Amino acid sequence: QVQLAESGGGLVQAGDSLRLSCAASGRTLSSLAMGWFRQAPGKERELVASISRTGGNSYYEDPVKGRFTISRDSAKNTIYLQMNSLKPEDTAVYYCAATLSRGYSEYIFRSDYGLEYWGKGTLVTVSS
């Protein structure tokens, strides 16, 4: 069983930066494709970014391209989401998600379909 624990959320001003962390337990990152989703009030959950189990491939949704960076630290079994130039529309609960990845080593997911593991979320609020 994989458990995911997010941290790093908070209240910041527009233009500020924030780094979210997601610590995984139960499996090493080498077996997990992982990513970040977010859900703003009154909106559906949406993918933000994802990363392959090797870290060699990543994907970003258009609203965050050039501002957010997803990365991983195998030694800490943790992935990160560095968020720069934050905007009020980035306000949301951010969730970490993972799926066991046994095949293609650079597999990344682009939706929440079939993702087995989820964290409880961390709130990011960006004031204008």
Protein backbone atom coordinates (compact mmCIF):
# COMPACT_ATOMS: atom_id res chain seq x y z
CA GLN A 1 0.00 0.00 0.00
CA VAL A 2 1.29 3.43 -0.95
CA GLN A 3 0.70 6.44 1.24
CA LEU A 4 1.21 10.00 0.08
CA ALA A 5 1.58 13.03 2.32
CA GLU A 6 1.60 16.56 0.93
CA SER A 7 3.03 19.60 2.65
CA GLY A 8 4.08 23.13 1.85
CA GLY A 9 0.81 24.87 1.16
CA GLY A 10 -0.01 28.27 2.54
CA LEU A 11 -1.11 31.82 1.90
CA VAL A 12 1.05 33.87 -0.46
CA GLN A 13 0.70 36.98 -2.57
CA ALA A 14 0.48 37.10 -6.35
CA GLY A 15 3.94 36.84 -7.85
CA ASP A 16 5.36 34.86 -4.94
CA SER A 17 6.77 31.33 -5.04
CA LEU A 18 5.92 28.22 -3.08
CA ARG A 19 7.22 24.66 -3.08
CA LEU A 20 4.97 21.73 -2.36
CA SER A 21 6.30 18.36 -1.25
CA CYS A 22 4.78 14.91 -1.47
CA ALA A 23 6.43 12.17 0.56
CA ALA A 24 5.66 8.62 -0.54
CA SER A 25 5.83 5.54 1.68
CA GLY A 26 5.24 1.89 0.94
CA ARG A 27 6.93 1.96 -2.47
CA THR A 28 9.98 3.65 -3.89
CA LEU A 29 9.65 6.34 -6.52
CA SER A 30 11.31 4.01 -9.03
CA SER A 31 8.04 2.07 -9.23
CA LEU A 32 5.64 5.04 -9.24
CA ALA A 33 4.52 7.49 -11.87
CA MET A 34 3.44 10.52 -9.87
CA GLY A 35 1.89 13.90 -10.28
CA TRP A 36 0.02 16.87 -8.89
CA PHE A 37 -3.64 17.75 -9.29
CA ARG A 38 -5.55 20.72 -7.96
CA GLN A 39 -9.15 21.55 -7.23
CA ALA A 40 -10.33 25.11 -6.90
CA PRO A 41 -13.59 25.96 -5.10
CA GLY A 42 -16.56 25.11 -7.27
CA LYS A 43 -14.42 23.56 -9.98
CA GLU A 44 -13.47 20.07 -11.03
CA ARG A 45 -10.14 18.56 -10.12
CA GLU A 46 -7.53 19.10 -12.81
CA LEU A 47 -4.07 17.79 -13.55
CA VAL A 48 -1.21 20.21 -12.98
CA ALA A 49 1.89 18.17 -13.76
CA SER A 50 3.14 14.61 -13.80
CA ILE A 51 6.50 12.84 -13.79
CA SER A 52 7.68 9.39 -14.78
CA ARG A 53 9.08 6.87 -12.36
CA THR A 54 12.60 7.59 -13.58
CA GLY A 55 12.15 11.35 -13.55
CA GLY A 56 13.19 11.43 -17.18
CA ASN A 57 9.83 12.54 -18.52
CA SER A 58 7.38 15.14 -17.30
CA TYR A 59 4.20 16.83 -18.40
CA TYR A 60 2.58 20.18 -17.59
CA GLU A 61 -0.85 21.55 -18.29
CA ASP A 62 -0.86 24.80 -20.23
CA PRO A 63 -1.90 27.14 -17.37
CA VAL A 64 1.27 26.30 -15.42
CA LYS A 65 3.83 25.80 -18.17
CA GLY A 66 6.88 27.96 -17.61
CA ARG A 67 5.87 28.74 -14.02
CA PHE A 68 5.72 25.36 -12.27
CA THR A 69 8.35 22.64 -12.13
CA ILE A 70 7.83 19.07 -10.98
CA SER A 71 10.83 17.17 -9.67
CA ARG A 72 11.72 14.18 -7.54
CA ASP A 73 14.31 13.19 -4.94
CA SER A 74 14.79 9.43 -4.83
CA ALA A 75 16.83 9.57 -1.64
CA LYS A 76 13.92 11.21 0.15
CA ASN A 77 11.24 9.33 -1.79
CA THR A 78 9.61 12.67 -2.36
CA ILE A 79 8.36 14.67 -5.29
CA TYR A 80 8.08 18.43 -5.41
CA LEU A 81 6.13 21.10 -7.19
CA GLN A 82 7.99 24.38 -7.41
CA MET A 83 5.47 27.10 -8.13
CA ASN A 84 6.71 30.49 -9.27
CA SER A 85 4.91 33.65 -10.35
CA LEU A 86 1.79 32.50 -8.56
CA LYS A 87 -1.54 33.95 -9.60
CA PRO A 88 -4.85 34.18 -7.74
CA GLU A 89 -6.25 31.59 -10.15
CA ASP A 90 -3.71 29.09 -8.80
CA THR A 91 -5.66 29.06 -5.54
CA ALA A 92 -6.76 25.49 -4.90
CA VAL A 93 -6.25 22.38 -2.85
CA TYR A 94 -3.28 20.58 -4.37
CA TYR A 95 -3.24 16.79 -4.35
CA CYS A 96 -0.42 14.37 -4.96
CA ALA A 97 -1.29 11.20 -6.88
CA ALA A 98 0.54 8.07 -7.94
CA THR A 99 0.14 4.90 -9.90
CA LEU A 100 2.28 1.78 -10.02
CA SER A 101 4.31 1.88 -13.20
CA ARG A 102 5.76 -1.46 -14.24
CA GLY A 103 6.04 -1.07 -17.99
CA TYR A 104 7.46 1.76 -20.03
CA SER A 105 9.87 3.54 -17.69
CA GLU A 106 9.01 7.02 -18.96
CA TYR A 107 5.25 6.60 -18.68
CA ILE A 108 3.45 9.70 -17.43
CA PHE A 109 -0.26 10.15 -16.82
CA ARG A 110 -2.34 12.97 -18.26
CA SER A 111 -5.58 12.40 -16.38
CA ASP A 112 -6.79 10.97 -13.08
CA TYR A 113 -8.13 7.84 -14.72
CA GLY A 114 -7.03 4.71 -12.86
CA LEU A 115 -4.77 6.43 -10.34
CA GLU A 116 -4.69 4.25 -7.25
CA TYR A 117 -3.09 6.48 -4.67
CA TRP A 118 -3.93 9.96 -3.46
CA GLY A 119 -2.81 12.28 -0.73
CA LYS A 120 -5.18 14.31 1.40
CA GLY A 121 -4.21 17.61 -0.17
CA THR A 122 -2.64 20.88 0.84
CA LEU A 123 -4.27 24.28 0.43
CA VAL A 124 -2.60 27.00 -1.59
CA THR A 125 -4.15 30.45 -1.43
CA VAL A 126 -2.82 33.25 -3.61
CA SER A 127 -4.03 36.74 -2.77
CA SER A 128 -4.09 39.57 -5.31
